[in-house]
Amino acid sequence: MQQPPNYQQRRRLLESYADDGSDVYVDPSYEFRNQHLRDAYVALHAWKHAILSDPLNVTGSWSGPDVRGYYNVYCVSSDHDSYVTVVAGVDLNHADLAGQPSTTPTRAFCRARCARAGEEEGGEGRELTDDDGRVGGGC
């Protein structure tokens, strides 16, 4: 059975597939309804680039600027402004994906999620943590 990558192998893999969205090309002709959806586009495509195996092709619909139509990406109206659409979640359960995406949200997705959290709490964004309580980055 293949062993999971050690820290150094994992770090090299993450560096090959940037987890901050910096390697995601955004076509200048793409128009996004708002900055939240653009940030979600960058985050989703950073994740997609980090996925090495997608046997069920769940990310196959993840192309083009309209993230609202991506398979298993769920959008809602912002609590702060009902005319603004934001990504509320992504369901990748049972997708049998393989790869090494970052254990914490990408910075772009963090910005999108923190903005939503700030709207829900009636204030500014907050820091997100992963399942182990480590800070995933400020917003």
Protein backbone atom coordinates (compact mmCIF):
# COMPACT_ATOMS: atom_id res chain seq x y z
CA MET A 1 0.00 0.00 0.00
CA GLN A 2 1.28 3.45 -0.89
CA GLN A 3 2.29 5.62 2.07
CA PRO A 4 0.97 9.18 2.36
CA PRO A 5 3.49 11.83 1.36
CA ASN A 6 5.77 13.13 4.10
CA TYR A 7 5.92 16.83 4.93
CA GLN A 8 8.64 17.67 2.39
CA GLN A 9 6.95 15.74 -0.42
CA ARG A 10 3.64 17.36 0.43
CA ARG A 11 5.19 20.85 0.51
CA ARG A 12 6.74 20.31 -2.95
CA LEU A 13 3.39 19.12 -4.28
CA LEU A 14 1.61 22.15 -2.84
CA GLU A 15 4.24 24.43 -4.33
CA SER A 16 3.64 22.78 -7.70
CA TYR A 17 -0.08 23.46 -7.35
CA ALA A 18 -0.24 26.87 -5.69
CA ASP A 19 -2.83 26.87 -2.95
CA ASP A 20 -3.27 30.63 -2.89
CA GLY A 21 -4.86 30.87 -6.32
CA SER A 22 -1.86 32.69 -7.78
CA ASP A 23 -1.54 30.12 -10.56
CA VAL A 24 -5.16 30.51 -11.67
CA TYR A 25 -5.54 32.34 -14.97
CA VAL A 26 -8.68 34.46 -15.17
CA ASP A 27 -9.61 35.26 -18.76
CA PRO A 28 -9.90 39.06 -19.02
CA SER A 29 -13.09 38.65 -21.05
CA TYR A 30 -14.84 36.93 -18.12
CA GLU A 31 -17.41 39.05 -16.37
CA PHE A 32 -18.39 38.26 -12.79
CA ARG A 33 -21.56 39.51 -11.15
CA ASN A 34 -19.56 40.53 -8.07
CA GLN A 35 -16.15 40.19 -6.41
CA HIS A 36 -17.39 37.31 -4.22
CA LEU A 37 -18.06 35.17 -7.30
CA ARG A 38 -14.70 36.11 -8.83
CA ASP A 39 -12.94 35.09 -5.61
CA ALA A 40 -14.89 31.83 -5.59
CA TYR A 41 -13.87 31.21 -9.23
CA VAL A 42 -10.19 31.60 -8.31
CA ALA A 43 -10.54 29.38 -5.23
CA LEU A 44 -12.45 26.64 -7.05
CA HIS A 45 -9.95 26.57 -9.90
CA ALA A 46 -7.01 26.48 -7.46
CA TRP A 47 -8.66 23.41 -5.89
CA LYS A 48 -9.31 21.92 -9.32
CA HIS A 49 -5.63 22.32 -10.25
CA ALA A 50 -4.61 20.56 -7.01
CA ILE A 51 -6.84 17.56 -7.75
CA LEU A 52 -4.78 14.86 -9.39
CA SER A 53 -7.58 12.32 -9.91
CA ASP A 54 -11.28 12.98 -10.47
CA PRO A 55 -12.66 9.61 -11.65
CA LEU A 56 -16.30 10.72 -11.45
CA ASN A 57 -15.53 13.99 -13.27
CA VAL A 58 -17.29 16.04 -10.58
CA THR A 59 -15.19 19.07 -11.49
CA GLY A 60 -15.88 18.61 -15.20
CA SER A 61 -18.48 21.38 -15.19
CA TRP A 62 -16.11 23.79 -13.46
CA SER A 63 -15.30 25.93 -16.47
CA GLY A 64 -16.25 29.42 -17.47
CA PRO A 65 -17.00 32.38 -15.24
CA ASP A 66 -20.45 31.34 -13.97
CA VAL A 67 -19.62 29.41 -10.79
CA ARG A 68 -23.35 29.31 -10.01
CA GLY A 69 -23.68 26.56 -12.64
CA TYR A 70 -20.79 24.43 -11.39
CA TYR A 71 -21.75 20.92 -10.24
CA ASN A 72 -22.09 20.66 -6.44
CA VAL A 73 -21.30 24.34 -5.89
CA TYR A 74 -24.11 25.96 -3.94
CA CYS A 75 -24.87 29.66 -4.09
CA VAL A 76 -27.26 31.81 -2.11
CA SER A 77 -28.24 35.44 -1.87
CA SER A 78 -26.13 37.42 0.54
CA ASP A 79 -27.78 38.14 3.87
CA HIS A 80 -26.46 41.68 3.62
CA ASP A 81 -27.77 42.37 0.11
CA SER A 82 -30.29 40.02 -1.50
CA TYR A 83 -29.15 41.16 -4.96
CA VAL A 84 -25.62 39.82 -4.36
CA THR A 85 -25.00 36.10 -4.95
CA VAL A 86 -22.27 34.32 -2.99
CA VAL A 87 -20.98 30.74 -2.85
CA ALA A 88 -22.35 29.12 0.29
CA GLY A 89 -20.69 25.73 -0.04
CA VAL A 90 -19.08 23.04 -2.14
CA ASP A 91 -19.99 19.37 -1.73
CA LEU A 92 -17.14 17.07 -2.69
CA ASN A 93 -18.22 14.18 -0.46
CA HIS A 94 -18.09 10.75 -2.09
CA ALA A 95 -16.37 12.22 -5.16
CA ASP A 96 -13.36 9.89 -4.78
CA LEU A 97 -10.96 12.76 -5.47
CA ALA A 98 -7.22 12.42 -5.03
CA GLY A 99 -4.65 15.16 -4.73
CA GLN A 100 -3.04 17.43 -2.21
CA PRO A 101 -4.99 20.67 -1.93
CA SER A 102 -4.09 22.80 1.04
CA THR A 103 -5.56 21.72 4.37
CA THR A 104 -6.79 25.27 4.87
CA PRO A 105 -8.98 27.27 2.51
CA THR A 106 -7.29 29.10 -0.32
CA ARG A 107 -6.86 32.79 0.35
CA ALA A 108 -9.43 33.67 -2.28
CA PHE A 109 -12.01 31.29 -0.83
CA CYS A 110 -11.15 32.55 2.64
CA ARG A 111 -11.91 36.10 1.49
CA ALA A 112 -15.22 34.98 0.03
CA ARG A 113 -16.20 32.96 3.13
CA CYS A 114 -15.00 35.63 5.56
CA ALA A 115 -17.00 38.28 3.75
CA ARG A 116 -20.08 36.08 4.07
CA ALA A 117 -19.35 35.40 7.75
CA GLY A 118 -19.01 39.11 8.36
CA GLU A 119 -22.35 39.74 6.68
CA GLU A 120 -24.03 37.04 8.77
CA GLU A 121 -22.64 38.48 11.99
CA GLY A 122 -23.39 42.06 10.98
CA GLY A 123 -19.76 43.09 11.06
CA GLU A 124 -16.36 42.62 9.57
CA GLY A 125 -14.96 39.30 8.39
CA ARG A 126 -13.24 36.97 10.84
CA GLU A 127 -10.40 34.48 10.69
CA LEU A 128 -11.29 30.96 9.60
CA THR A 129 -9.82 27.83 11.13
CA ASP A 130 -9.47 24.31 9.82
CA ASP A 131 -10.77 21.18 11.59
CA ASP A 132 -7.76 21.18 13.93
CA GLY A 133 -8.33 24.77 15.00
CA ARG A 134 -5.37 26.18 13.05
CA VAL A 135 -5.92 29.61 11.59
CA GLY A 136 -6.52 29.42 7.85
CA GLY A 137 -5.70 33.03 7.21
CA GLY A 138 -7.05 36.45 7.92
CA CYS A 139 -9.57 38.14 5.74
